[in-house]
Amino acid sequence: ESFQLVPKDTNQDNPKPSGESNDNFVDESDDIKRIFRPLQVLAACFGALTHGSNDVGNCIGPLVTVWYIYKTPINYSTETQMYGILLWGGIGISLGLVCFGKRVIVTMGSKISRMTPSLGFTVVLTASIVVMICSITGIPTSTTHCQVMGVVGAGVAKGWVDNGAFREGIKTIDFSLIGNIAVSWIVTIPFAFTLSAIIYAVARVVIIGPY
C-alpha cells in the first residue's frame, strides 16, 4: 500500500505561524504520521543526549573548574570525573524546561512553521547530529541555533516539494519571527558581556578585594 500526502484542514493540529504563511499547506496522511511519531520519540531521545553533551558542559564547565581549584588549589588536576556536579547540571536543565520551557516549545513547534511528525523527526535528528559533531570535537555550540534553522530548512523544503515552487516553500516560514529571533541572538552577545563585566566588577570591589 502506497502512502500519499492528502490536503486537509489543519487549523487545530497544525496551527499557522503567527505571520504571513502559505495557505496551501499539505498535511500528511495518518499512515505516515503513525510511522514518524515513534521515530520522533527516538530522535528526541538522541536530541536529549546531544543537548546534555554540549549545553550541560557549557553551563557547568566554569563551576567544575572552580571546584577543582577549591579541592586541590595547588597543582589541581582535571582528570578526576565530577559526575555529581554534572548530574546537578542535568537536573537544572530539566527543571528549566519544566518551569520555563512552554513558550519556547510553542514557538519552535508551531509559530515558525507548521510542523508534522516527519518534519519534527527531520529537524531534531539534523540538529542532534550537528550538536553531537560539535561535542565530539570539543566545540561549544547552540542547540537553539541548530533547531531553529533546522525548522526553517525543513519547512522550506516541504513547501517547495508540496507546491512545486521555491517561492511557496519560503511562504511557509514566518520570517518576521525569524528576524526577531536573530535580533535576540545578536543582542544577547553584548548584553551577556556587559552584565558579566558589571557583576564581576562589583564582586571584585565588594567581596574579593585586592589580591
N, C-alpha and C. Protein backbone atom coordinates (compact mmCIF):
# COMPACT_ATOMS: atom_id res chain seq x y z
N GLU A 1 0.85 -1.19 0.00
CA GLU A 1 0.00 0.00 0.00
C GLU A 1 0.88 1.24 0.00
N SER A 2 0.67 2.14 -0.93
CA SER A 2 1.49 3.34 -1.02
C SER A 2 0.96 4.42 -0.10
N PHE A 3 1.87 5.26 0.37
CA PHE A 3 1.50 6.38 1.22
C PHE A 3 1.37 7.62 0.37
N GLN A 4 0.32 8.40 0.61
CA GLN A 4 0.09 9.61 -0.15
C GLN A 4 -0.12 10.77 0.80
N LEU A 5 0.27 11.94 0.32
CA LEU A 5 0.01 13.17 1.06
C LEU A 5 -1.35 13.70 0.65
N VAL A 6 -2.20 13.98 1.62
CA VAL A 6 -3.55 14.44 1.30
C VAL A 6 -3.80 15.76 1.98
N PRO A 7 -4.32 16.76 1.26
CA PRO A 7 -4.63 18.03 1.90
C PRO A 7 -5.81 17.90 2.82
N LYS A 8 -5.77 18.59 3.91
CA LYS A 8 -6.89 18.60 4.86
C LYS A 8 -6.82 19.86 5.69
N ASP A 9 -7.87 20.15 6.40
CA ASP A 9 -7.90 21.30 7.28
C ASP A 9 -7.07 20.99 8.50
N THR A 10 -6.03 21.79 8.73
CA THR A 10 -5.10 21.51 9.82
C THR A 10 -5.01 22.67 10.78
N ASN A 11 -6.07 23.45 10.90
CA ASN A 11 -6.02 24.62 11.76
C ASN A 11 -5.80 24.26 13.22
N GLN A 12 -6.30 23.08 13.64
CA GLN A 12 -6.14 22.69 15.03
C GLN A 12 -4.87 21.90 15.25
N ASP A 13 -4.61 20.89 14.40
CA ASP A 13 -3.45 20.05 14.59
C ASP A 13 -2.16 20.76 14.22
N ASN A 14 -2.21 21.60 13.20
CA ASN A 14 -1.03 22.31 12.72
C ASN A 14 -1.36 23.78 12.57
N PRO A 15 -1.38 24.55 13.64
CA PRO A 15 -1.73 25.96 13.54
C PRO A 15 -0.74 26.72 12.68
N LYS A 16 -1.26 27.75 12.00
CA LYS A 16 -0.39 28.55 11.15
C LYS A 16 0.60 29.33 11.97
N PRO A 17 1.78 29.64 11.37
CA PRO A 17 2.68 30.58 12.03
C PRO A 17 1.98 31.90 12.24
N SER A 18 2.49 32.69 13.21
CA SER A 18 1.81 33.92 13.58
C SER A 18 1.85 34.96 12.47
N GLY A 19 2.85 34.89 11.58
CA GLY A 19 2.94 35.85 10.50
C GLY A 19 2.31 35.32 9.23
N GLU A 20 2.59 35.96 8.11
CA GLU A 20 2.03 35.52 6.83
C GLU A 20 2.62 34.19 6.44
N SER A 21 1.79 33.26 6.00
CA SER A 21 2.27 31.94 5.64
C SER A 21 1.48 31.42 4.45
N ASN A 22 1.94 30.31 3.92
CA ASN A 22 1.32 29.70 2.76
C ASN A 22 0.03 28.99 3.15
N ASP A 23 -1.09 29.30 2.47
CA ASP A 23 -2.35 28.65 2.76
C ASP A 23 -2.42 27.26 2.14
N ASN A 24 -1.54 26.93 1.19
CA ASN A 24 -1.57 25.65 0.51
C ASN A 24 -0.77 24.60 1.28
N PHE A 25 -0.99 24.54 2.58
CA PHE A 25 -0.29 23.56 3.40
C PHE A 25 -0.85 22.18 3.12
N VAL A 26 0.04 21.21 2.90
CA VAL A 26 -0.35 19.84 2.62
C VAL A 26 0.01 18.99 3.83
N ASP A 27 -1.01 18.49 4.51
CA ASP A 27 -0.76 17.68 5.69
C ASP A 27 -0.42 16.25 5.28
N GLU A 28 0.11 15.49 6.22
CA GLU A 28 0.48 14.11 5.96
C GLU A 28 -0.68 13.17 6.27
N SER A 29 -0.69 12.04 5.59
CA SER A 29 -1.72 11.04 5.85
C SER A 29 -1.50 10.42 7.23
N ASP A 30 -2.55 9.80 7.75
CA ASP A 30 -2.45 9.17 9.06
C ASP A 30 -1.43 8.04 9.06
N ASP A 31 -1.26 7.35 7.93
CA ASP A 31 -0.28 6.26 7.86
C ASP A 31 1.14 6.79 8.04
N ILE A 32 1.43 7.90 7.39
CA ILE A 32 2.77 8.48 7.52
C ILE A 32 2.99 9.00 8.94
N LYS A 33 1.96 9.59 9.52
CA LYS A 33 2.09 10.07 10.90
C LYS A 33 2.36 8.93 11.86
N ARG A 34 1.71 7.79 11.65
CA ARG A 34 1.93 6.64 12.54
C ARG A 34 3.36 6.13 12.43
N ILE A 35 3.95 6.26 11.27
CA ILE A 35 5.34 5.83 11.09
C ILE A 35 6.30 6.76 11.80
N PHE A 36 6.09 8.07 11.65
CA PHE A 36 7.09 9.04 12.12
C PHE A 36 6.92 9.43 13.59
N ARG A 37 5.76 9.19 14.18
CA ARG A 37 5.60 9.56 15.59
C ARG A 37 6.55 8.79 16.50
N PRO A 38 6.66 7.45 16.38
CA PRO A 38 7.66 6.77 17.21
C PRO A 38 9.09 7.16 16.85
N LEU A 39 9.33 7.46 15.57
CA LEU A 39 10.67 7.91 15.18
C LEU A 39 10.98 9.26 15.82
N GLN A 40 9.94 10.09 15.99
CA GLN A 40 10.14 11.36 16.69
C GLN A 40 10.61 11.14 18.12
N VAL A 41 10.04 10.14 18.78
CA VAL A 41 10.43 9.85 20.16
C VAL A 41 11.89 9.43 20.22
N LEU A 42 12.31 8.57 19.29
CA LEU A 42 13.70 8.13 19.25
C LEU A 42 14.63 9.31 18.95
N ALA A 43 14.21 10.16 18.01
CA ALA A 43 15.03 11.33 17.69
C ALA A 43 15.11 12.28 18.88
N ALA A 44 14.01 12.41 19.63
CA ALA A 44 14.02 13.28 20.81
C ALA A 44 14.98 12.74 21.87
N CYS A 45 15.04 11.42 22.03
CA CYS A 45 15.99 10.83 22.98
C CYS A 45 17.42 11.13 22.55
N PHE A 46 17.70 10.99 21.27
CA PHE A 46 19.03 11.33 20.75
C PHE A 46 19.31 12.81 20.95
N GLY A 47 18.27 13.65 20.72
CA GLY A 47 18.43 15.08 20.92
C GLY A 47 18.73 15.43 22.37
N ALA A 48 18.07 14.75 23.30
CA ALA A 48 18.34 14.99 24.72
C ALA A 48 19.77 14.62 25.06
N LEU A 49 20.26 13.52 24.49
CA LEU A 49 21.65 13.10 24.73
C LEU A 49 22.63 14.15 24.23
N THR A 50 22.44 14.62 22.99
CA THR A 50 23.36 15.61 22.45
C THR A 50 23.22 16.94 23.17
N HIS A 51 22.00 17.28 23.58
CA HIS A 51 21.78 18.52 24.33
C HIS A 51 22.58 18.49 25.63
N GLY A 52 22.52 17.36 26.32
CA GLY A 52 23.28 17.24 27.55
C GLY A 52 24.78 17.27 27.32
N SER A 53 25.22 16.68 26.20
CA SER A 53 26.66 16.61 25.94
C SER A 53 27.26 17.99 25.71
N ASN A 54 26.47 18.92 25.22
CA ASN A 54 27.01 20.24 24.91
C ASN A 54 26.57 21.30 25.90
N ASP A 55 25.26 21.42 26.13
CA ASP A 55 24.76 22.52 26.97
C ASP A 55 25.10 22.34 28.44
N VAL A 56 25.08 21.09 28.93
CA VAL A 56 25.48 20.89 30.32
C VAL A 56 26.94 21.27 30.50
N GLY A 57 27.78 20.90 29.52
CA GLY A 57 29.18 21.31 29.58
C GLY A 57 29.35 22.81 29.55
N ASN A 58 28.52 23.49 28.73
CA ASN A 58 28.61 24.95 28.66
C ASN A 58 28.33 25.61 30.00
N CYS A 59 27.29 25.14 30.69
CA CYS A 59 26.88 25.83 31.91
C CYS A 59 27.63 25.34 33.15
N ILE A 60 28.11 24.10 33.13
CA ILE A 60 28.77 23.53 34.29
C ILE A 60 30.29 23.67 34.22
N GLY A 61 30.84 23.89 33.03
CA GLY A 61 32.30 23.96 32.87
C GLY A 61 32.99 24.90 33.85
N PRO A 62 32.57 26.17 33.96
CA PRO A 62 33.22 27.07 34.93
C PRO A 62 33.09 26.59 36.38
N LEU A 63 31.93 26.03 36.74
CA LEU A 63 31.73 25.54 38.10
C LEU A 63 32.66 24.38 38.42
N VAL A 64 32.82 23.47 37.45
CA VAL A 64 33.72 22.34 37.66
C VAL A 64 35.15 22.82 37.88
N THR A 65 35.59 23.80 37.10
CA THR A 65 36.95 24.33 37.26
C THR A 65 37.14 24.94 38.64
N VAL A 66 36.16 25.73 39.07
CA VAL A 66 36.24 26.33 40.41
C VAL A 66 36.30 25.26 41.48
N TRP A 67 35.53 24.20 41.30
CA TRP A 67 35.51 23.10 42.29
C TRP A 67 36.85 22.39 42.35
N TYR A 68 37.46 22.15 41.18
CA TYR A 68 38.79 21.54 41.16
C TYR A 68 39.80 22.39 41.93
N ILE A 69 39.77 23.69 41.67
CA ILE A 69 40.73 24.59 42.33
C ILE A 69 40.46 24.63 43.83
N TYR A 70 39.20 24.60 44.23
CA TYR A 70 38.85 24.63 45.65
C TYR A 70 39.34 23.37 46.37
N LYS A 71 39.17 22.21 45.73
CA LYS A 71 39.56 20.95 46.36
C LYS A 71 41.07 20.77 46.39
N THR A 72 41.74 21.11 45.31
CA THR A 72 43.20 20.97 45.23
C THR A 72 43.77 22.26 44.66
N PRO A 73 43.93 23.30 45.46
CA PRO A 73 44.35 24.60 44.94
C PRO A 73 45.75 24.60 44.33
N ILE A 74 46.58 23.66 44.72
CA ILE A 74 47.93 23.59 44.16
C ILE A 74 48.01 22.36 43.25
N ASN A 75 48.43 22.60 42.03
CA ASN A 75 48.58 21.52 41.04
C ASN A 75 47.28 20.71 40.88
N TYR A 76 46.17 21.44 40.73
CA TYR A 76 44.90 20.73 40.58
C TYR A 76 44.87 20.00 39.24
N SER A 77 44.15 18.90 39.20
CA SER A 77 44.06 18.07 38.01
C SER A 77 42.59 17.92 37.60
N THR A 78 42.37 17.95 36.32
CA THR A 78 41.01 17.78 35.80
C THR A 78 40.76 16.35 35.35
N GLU A 79 41.64 15.42 35.72
CA GLU A 79 41.48 14.03 35.31
C GLU A 79 40.34 13.35 36.07
N THR A 80 40.09 13.78 37.31
CA THR A 80 39.03 13.17 38.12
C THR A 80 37.66 13.55 37.56
N GLN A 81 36.82 12.55 37.37
CA GLN A 81 35.49 12.80 36.83
C GLN A 81 34.55 13.30 37.94
N MET A 82 33.89 14.42 37.70
CA MET A 82 32.98 15.02 38.68
C MET A 82 31.54 14.77 38.24
N TYR A 83 31.11 13.52 38.35
CA TYR A 83 29.78 13.16 37.85
C TYR A 83 28.67 13.80 38.69
N GLY A 84 28.93 14.04 39.97
CA GLY A 84 27.91 14.66 40.81
C GLY A 84 27.53 16.04 40.33
N ILE A 85 28.55 16.85 40.01
CA ILE A 85 28.28 18.21 39.52
C ILE A 85 27.59 18.16 38.16
N LEU A 86 28.01 17.24 37.30
CA LEU A 86 27.35 17.11 36.00
C LEU A 86 25.89 16.71 36.16
N LEU A 87 25.62 15.86 37.15
CA LEU A 87 24.23 15.46 37.41
C LEU A 87 23.39 16.65 37.81
N TRP A 88 23.93 17.52 38.66
CA TRP A 88 23.21 18.73 39.05
C TRP A 88 22.94 19.62 37.84
N GLY A 89 23.88 19.66 36.91
CA GLY A 89 23.65 20.44 35.69
C GLY A 89 22.50 19.88 34.88
N GLY A 90 22.44 18.54 34.76
CA GLY A 90 21.33 17.92 34.04
C GLY A 90 19.99 18.17 34.72
N ILE A 91 19.99 18.10 36.05
CA ILE A 91 18.75 18.36 36.80
C ILE A 91 18.31 19.81 36.60
N GLY A 92 19.27 20.73 36.61
CA GLY A 92 18.94 22.14 36.41
C GLY A 92 18.33 22.40 35.05
N ILE A 93 18.87 21.79 34.01
CA ILE A 93 18.32 21.96 32.67
C ILE A 93 16.91 21.38 32.60
N SER A 94 16.69 20.23 33.25
CA SER A 94 15.36 19.61 33.24
C SER A 94 14.34 20.48 33.95
N LEU A 95 14.73 21.05 35.10
CA LEU A 95 13.81 21.94 35.81
C LEU A 95 13.51 23.19 35.01
N GLY A 96 14.52 23.70 34.32
CA GLY A 96 14.29 24.87 33.47
C GLY A 96 13.29 24.59 32.37
N LEU A 97 13.36 23.40 31.79
CA LEU A 97 12.39 23.02 30.77
C LEU A 97 10.98 22.96 31.33
N VAL A 98 10.84 22.33 32.50
CA VAL A 98 9.52 22.18 33.10
C VAL A 98 8.93 23.53 33.51
N CYS A 99 9.76 24.39 34.08
CA CYS A 99 9.26 25.66 34.64
C CYS A 99 9.09 26.76 33.61
N PHE A 100 10.00 26.82 32.64
CA PHE A 100 10.00 27.98 31.74
C PHE A 100 10.04 27.62 30.26
N GLY A 101 9.92 26.35 29.91
CA GLY A 101 10.11 25.94 28.52
C GLY A 101 8.89 25.99 27.64
N LYS A 102 7.70 26.24 28.20
CA LYS A 102 6.47 26.13 27.42
C LYS A 102 6.44 27.09 26.24
N ARG A 103 6.80 28.36 26.46
CA ARG A 103 6.70 29.34 25.38
C ARG A 103 7.68 29.03 24.26
N VAL A 104 8.87 28.57 24.62
CA VAL A 104 9.85 28.21 23.59
C VAL A 104 9.36 27.00 22.80
N ILE A 105 8.75 26.04 23.50
CA ILE A 105 8.22 24.85 22.82
C ILE A 105 7.14 25.26 21.81
N VAL A 106 6.25 26.15 22.21
CA VAL A 106 5.18 26.60 21.32
C VAL A 106 5.77 27.32 20.11
N THR A 107 6.76 28.16 20.33
CA THR A 107 7.39 28.88 19.22
C THR A 107 8.04 27.91 18.24
N MET A 108 8.82 26.97 18.77
CA MET A 108 9.52 26.03 17.90
C MET A 108 8.55 25.08 17.21
N GLY A 109 7.47 24.70 17.90
CA GLY A 109 6.59 23.68 17.37
C GLY A 109 5.50 24.17 16.44
N SER A 110 5.18 25.48 16.46
CA SER A 110 4.05 25.91 15.64
C SER A 110 4.19 27.31 15.05
N LYS A 111 4.94 28.20 15.68
CA LYS A 111 4.92 29.59 15.23
C LYS A 111 5.88 29.87 14.07
N ILE A 112 7.02 29.20 14.02
CA ILE A 112 7.95 29.43 12.91
C ILE A 112 7.39 28.86 11.62
N SER A 113 6.93 27.62 11.69
CA SER A 113 6.35 26.95 10.53
C SER A 113 5.47 25.82 11.05
N ARG A 114 4.43 25.49 10.30
CA ARG A 114 3.57 24.38 10.72
C ARG A 114 4.37 23.08 10.67
N MET A 115 4.21 22.28 11.72
CA MET A 115 5.01 21.07 11.85
C MET A 115 4.17 19.82 11.63
N THR A 116 4.83 18.79 11.17
CA THR A 116 4.25 17.45 11.03
C THR A 116 5.23 16.47 11.67
N PRO A 117 4.81 15.24 11.94
CA PRO A 117 5.74 14.28 12.53
C PRO A 117 7.03 14.08 11.74
N SER A 118 6.93 14.02 10.42
CA SER A 118 8.14 13.82 9.62
C SER A 118 9.06 15.04 9.69
N LEU A 119 8.47 16.24 9.71
CA LEU A 119 9.28 17.45 9.85
C LEU A 119 9.94 17.49 11.22
N GLY A 120 9.18 17.14 12.27
CA GLY A 120 9.76 17.13 13.61
C GLY A 120 10.91 16.15 13.72
N PHE A 121 10.75 14.98 13.14
CA PHE A 121 11.83 13.98 13.14
C PHE A 121 13.06 14.52 12.43
N THR A 122 12.85 15.11 11.26
CA THR A 122 13.97 15.63 10.47
C THR A 122 14.71 16.73 11.21
N VAL A 123 13.97 17.67 11.80
CA VAL A 123 14.57 18.81 12.49
C VAL A 123 15.41 18.35 13.68
N VAL A 124 14.82 17.50 14.53
CA VAL A 124 15.53 17.07 15.73
C VAL A 124 16.74 16.23 15.37
N LEU A 125 16.60 15.33 14.40
CA LEU A 125 17.72 14.48 14.00
C LEU A 125 18.87 15.32 13.44
N THR A 126 18.52 16.27 12.57
CA THR A 126 19.56 17.12 11.96
C THR A 126 20.30 17.94 13.01
N ALA A 127 19.55 18.62 13.87
CA ALA A 127 20.17 19.43 14.91
C ALA A 127 21.02 18.57 15.85
N SER A 128 20.54 17.37 16.16
CA SER A 128 21.27 16.50 17.07
C SER A 128 22.58 16.04 16.47
N ILE A 129 22.59 15.74 15.18
CA ILE A 129 23.82 15.32 14.52
C ILE A 129 24.85 16.46 14.55
N VAL A 130 24.40 17.67 14.24
CA VAL A 130 25.31 18.82 14.24
C VAL A 130 25.88 19.05 15.64
N VAL A 131 25.01 19.02 16.66
CA VAL A 131 25.47 19.26 18.03
C VAL A 131 26.40 18.14 18.49
N MET A 132 26.11 16.89 18.13
CA MET A 132 26.97 15.78 18.53
C MET A 132 28.36 15.91 17.91
N ILE A 133 28.42 16.30 16.64
CA ILE A 133 29.73 16.51 16.00
C ILE A 133 30.51 17.60 16.73
N CYS A 134 29.83 18.68 17.08
CA CYS A 134 30.50 19.76 17.82
C CYS A 134 30.95 19.29 19.20
N SER A 135 30.15 18.47 19.86
CA SER A 135 30.52 17.97 21.18
C SER A 135 31.74 17.06 21.11
N ILE A 136 31.77 16.19 20.11
CA ILE A 136 32.90 15.28 19.95
C ILE A 136 34.19 16.04 19.68
N THR A 137 34.08 17.11 18.92
CA THR A 137 35.27 17.91 18.59
C THR A 137 35.58 18.97 19.65
N GLY A 138 34.76 19.05 20.71
CA GLY A 138 35.02 19.99 21.80
C GLY A 138 34.64 21.41 21.49
N ILE A 139 33.69 21.63 20.59
CA ILE A 139 33.27 22.98 20.21
C ILE A 139 31.95 23.31 20.88
N PRO A 140 31.90 24.30 21.77
CA PRO A 140 30.60 24.72 22.33
C PRO A 140 29.73 25.30 21.22
N THR A 141 28.50 24.87 21.18
CA THR A 141 27.59 25.37 20.14
C THR A 141 26.20 25.56 20.74
N SER A 142 25.35 26.22 19.99
CA SER A 142 24.00 26.49 20.47
C SER A 142 23.02 25.49 19.86
N THR A 143 22.38 24.69 20.71
CA THR A 143 21.36 23.79 20.21
C THR A 143 20.17 24.56 19.67
N THR A 144 19.91 25.73 20.22
CA THR A 144 18.79 26.55 19.75
C THR A 144 19.00 27.00 18.31
N HIS A 145 20.21 27.47 18.01
CA HIS A 145 20.51 27.88 16.64
C HIS A 145 20.27 26.72 15.68
N CYS A 146 20.76 25.54 16.05
CA CYS A 146 20.63 24.37 15.17
C CYS A 146 19.16 24.00 14.98
N GLN A 147 18.39 24.02 16.06
CA GLN A 147 16.99 23.63 15.97
C GLN A 147 16.19 24.63 15.13
N VAL A 148 16.40 25.92 15.37
CA VAL A 148 15.63 26.94 14.65
C VAL A 148 15.90 26.86 13.16
N MET A 149 17.17 26.79 12.79
CA MET A 149 17.49 26.74 11.36
C MET A 149 17.08 25.41 10.75
N GLY A 150 17.04 24.35 11.57
CA GLY A 150 16.51 23.08 11.08
C GLY A 150 15.03 23.19 10.75
N VAL A 151 14.28 23.89 11.60
CA VAL A 151 12.85 24.12 11.33
C VAL A 151 12.68 24.91 10.03
N VAL A 152 13.48 25.94 9.86
CA VAL A 152 13.39 26.76 8.65
C VAL A 152 13.71 25.94 7.40
N GLY A 153 14.81 25.19 7.45
CA GLY A 153 15.21 24.40 6.28
C GLY A 153 14.19 23.35 5.91
N ALA A 154 13.70 22.61 6.92
CA ALA A 154 12.72 21.55 6.64
C ALA A 154 11.39 22.14 6.17
N GLY A 155 10.97 23.26 6.78
CA GLY A 155 9.72 23.89 6.37
C GLY A 155 9.76 24.39 4.94
N VAL A 156 10.87 25.01 4.56
CA VAL A 156 11.02 25.49 3.18
C VAL A 156 11.02 24.32 2.20
N ALA A 157 11.75 23.25 2.56
CA ALA A 157 11.82 22.09 1.67
C ALA A 157 10.44 21.45 1.48
N LYS A 158 9.66 21.34 2.56
CA LYS A 158 8.33 20.74 2.45
C LYS A 158 7.42 21.58 1.57
N GLY A 159 7.40 22.90 1.80
CA GLY A 159 6.57 23.76 0.98
C GLY A 159 6.98 23.75 -0.48
N TRP A 160 8.28 23.67 -0.73
CA TRP A 160 8.81 23.63 -2.09
C TRP A 160 8.35 22.36 -2.81
N VAL A 161 8.55 21.21 -2.14
CA VAL A 161 8.19 19.94 -2.76
C VAL A 161 6.67 19.81 -2.93
N ASP A 162 5.91 20.21 -1.91
CA ASP A 162 4.45 20.04 -1.98
C ASP A 162 3.81 20.91 -3.06
N ASN A 163 4.34 22.13 -3.26
CA ASN A 163 3.70 23.07 -4.17
C ASN A 163 4.47 23.31 -5.46
N GLY A 164 5.66 22.70 -5.58
CA GLY A 164 6.40 22.76 -6.83
C GLY A 164 7.10 24.07 -7.11
N ALA A 165 7.25 24.93 -6.10
CA ALA A 165 7.91 26.21 -6.33
C ALA A 165 8.65 26.62 -5.05
N PHE A 166 9.88 27.08 -5.23
CA PHE A 166 10.67 27.51 -4.07
C PHE A 166 10.00 28.68 -3.35
N ARG A 167 9.36 29.56 -4.11
CA ARG A 167 8.67 30.70 -3.51
C ARG A 167 7.60 30.23 -2.53
N GLU A 168 6.90 29.17 -2.88
CA GLU A 168 5.88 28.63 -1.98
C GLU A 168 6.51 28.06 -0.71
N GLY A 169 7.70 27.50 -0.86
CA GLY A 169 8.40 27.00 0.31
C GLY A 169 8.78 28.12 1.26
N ILE A 170 9.21 29.24 0.70
CA ILE A 170 9.57 30.40 1.53
C ILE A 170 8.36 30.91 2.30
N LYS A 171 7.18 30.82 1.68
CA LYS A 171 5.97 31.34 2.32
C LYS A 171 5.55 30.53 3.55
N THR A 172 6.08 29.34 3.71
CA THR A 172 5.69 28.52 4.86
C THR A 172 6.36 28.99 6.15
N ILE A 173 7.32 29.89 6.05
CA ILE A 173 8.09 30.34 7.22
C ILE A 173 7.66 31.74 7.62
N ASP A 174 7.51 31.96 8.90
CA ASP A 174 7.22 33.30 9.44
C ASP A 174 8.54 34.02 9.64
N PHE A 175 8.99 34.73 8.60
CA PHE A 175 10.30 35.36 8.64
C PHE A 175 10.34 36.59 9.54
N SER A 176 9.18 37.16 9.87
CA SER A 176 9.19 38.24 10.85
C SER A 176 9.59 37.70 12.21
N LEU A 177 9.12 36.51 12.56
CA LEU A 177 9.52 35.88 13.81
C LEU A 177 10.99 35.48 13.77
N ILE A 178 11.44 34.96 12.63
CA ILE A 178 12.85 34.60 12.48
C ILE A 178 13.73 35.83 12.66
N GLY A 179 13.26 36.98 12.15
CA GLY A 179 14.02 38.22 12.33
C GLY A 179 14.14 38.60 13.79
N ASN A 180 13.03 38.45 14.54
CA ASN A 180 13.07 38.75 15.98
C ASN A 180 14.03 37.80 16.71
N ILE A 181 14.01 36.52 16.32
CA ILE A 181 14.91 35.56 16.94
C ILE A 181 16.36 35.92 16.64
N ALA A 182 16.64 36.29 15.39
CA ALA A 182 18.01 36.66 15.01
C ALA A 182 18.49 37.88 15.78
N VAL A 183 17.59 38.86 15.96
CA VAL A 183 17.95 40.05 16.74
C VAL A 183 18.28 39.66 18.18
N SER A 184 17.49 38.76 18.75
CA SER A 184 17.76 38.33 20.12
C SER A 184 19.10 37.63 20.23
N TRP A 185 19.46 36.85 19.19
CA TRP A 185 20.77 36.20 19.21
C TRP A 185 21.89 37.24 19.20
N ILE A 186 21.73 38.28 18.42
CA ILE A 186 22.78 39.31 18.32
C ILE A 186 22.85 40.13 19.61
N VAL A 187 21.69 40.52 20.13
CA VAL A 187 21.65 41.39 21.31
C VAL A 187 22.21 40.70 22.54
N THR A 188 21.97 39.40 22.68
CA THR A 188 22.43 38.70 23.88
C THR A 188 23.94 38.67 24.01
N ILE A 189 24.67 38.80 22.92
CA ILE A 189 26.14 38.75 23.00
C ILE A 189 26.69 39.95 23.77
N PRO A 190 26.43 41.19 23.34
CA PRO A 190 26.94 42.32 24.14
C PRO A 190 26.27 42.43 25.50
N PHE A 191 25.00 42.00 25.60
CA PHE A 191 24.31 42.08 26.89
C PHE A 191 24.97 41.16 27.92
N ALA A 192 25.26 39.92 27.52
CA ALA A 192 25.92 38.98 28.42
C ALA A 192 27.32 39.47 28.77
N PHE A 193 28.04 40.03 27.80
CA PHE A 193 29.37 40.58 28.05
C PHE A 193 29.32 41.70 29.09
N THR A 194 28.40 42.64 28.88
CA THR A 194 28.30 43.79 29.79
C THR A 194 27.85 43.37 31.18
N LEU A 195 26.83 42.52 31.26
CA LEU A 195 26.32 42.09 32.56
C LEU A 195 27.38 41.31 33.34
N SER A 196 28.12 40.45 32.65
CA SER A 196 29.17 39.68 33.31
C SER A 196 30.26 40.61 33.84
N ALA A 197 30.64 41.60 33.05
CA ALA A 197 31.66 42.55 33.50
C ALA A 197 31.20 43.33 34.72
N ILE A 198 29.95 43.75 34.73
CA ILE A 198 29.43 44.52 35.87
C ILE A 198 29.39 43.66 37.13
N ILE A 199 28.88 42.43 37.01
CA ILE A 199 28.77 41.56 38.19
C ILE A 199 30.15 41.26 38.77
N TYR A 200 31.12 40.96 37.88
CA TYR A 200 32.46 40.66 38.41
C TYR A 200 33.09 41.90 39.03
N ALA A 201 32.90 43.06 38.40
CA ALA A 201 33.48 44.28 38.95
C ALA A 201 32.94 44.57 40.35
N VAL A 202 31.63 44.39 40.53
CA VAL A 202 31.02 44.60 41.85
C VAL A 202 31.55 43.58 42.85
N ALA A 203 31.61 42.31 42.42
CA ALA A 203 32.12 41.26 43.32
C ALA A 203 33.58 41.50 43.68
N ARG A 204 34.35 41.99 42.73
CA ARG A 204 35.77 42.24 43.00
C ARG A 204 35.96 43.35 44.02
N VAL A 205 35.15 44.40 43.91
CA VAL A 205 35.28 45.53 44.83
C VAL A 205 34.68 45.22 46.19
N VAL A 206 33.52 44.59 46.22
CA VAL A 206 32.78 44.41 47.47
C VAL A 206 33.21 43.16 48.22
N ILE A 207 33.45 42.04 47.51
CA ILE A 207 33.68 40.76 48.15
C ILE A 207 35.14 40.32 48.05
N ILE A 208 35.68 40.29 46.85
CA ILE A 208 37.02 39.72 46.65
C ILE A 208 38.11 40.63 47.17
N GLY A 209 38.04 41.88 46.75
CA GLY A 209 39.06 42.82 47.19
C GLY A 209 40.36 42.65 46.42
N PRO A 210 41.39 43.43 46.77
CA PRO A 210 42.69 43.33 46.07
C PRO A 210 43.39 42.02 46.38
N TYR A 211 44.18 41.54 45.43
CA TYR A 211 44.95 40.31 45.65
C TYR A 211 46.18 40.61 46.51
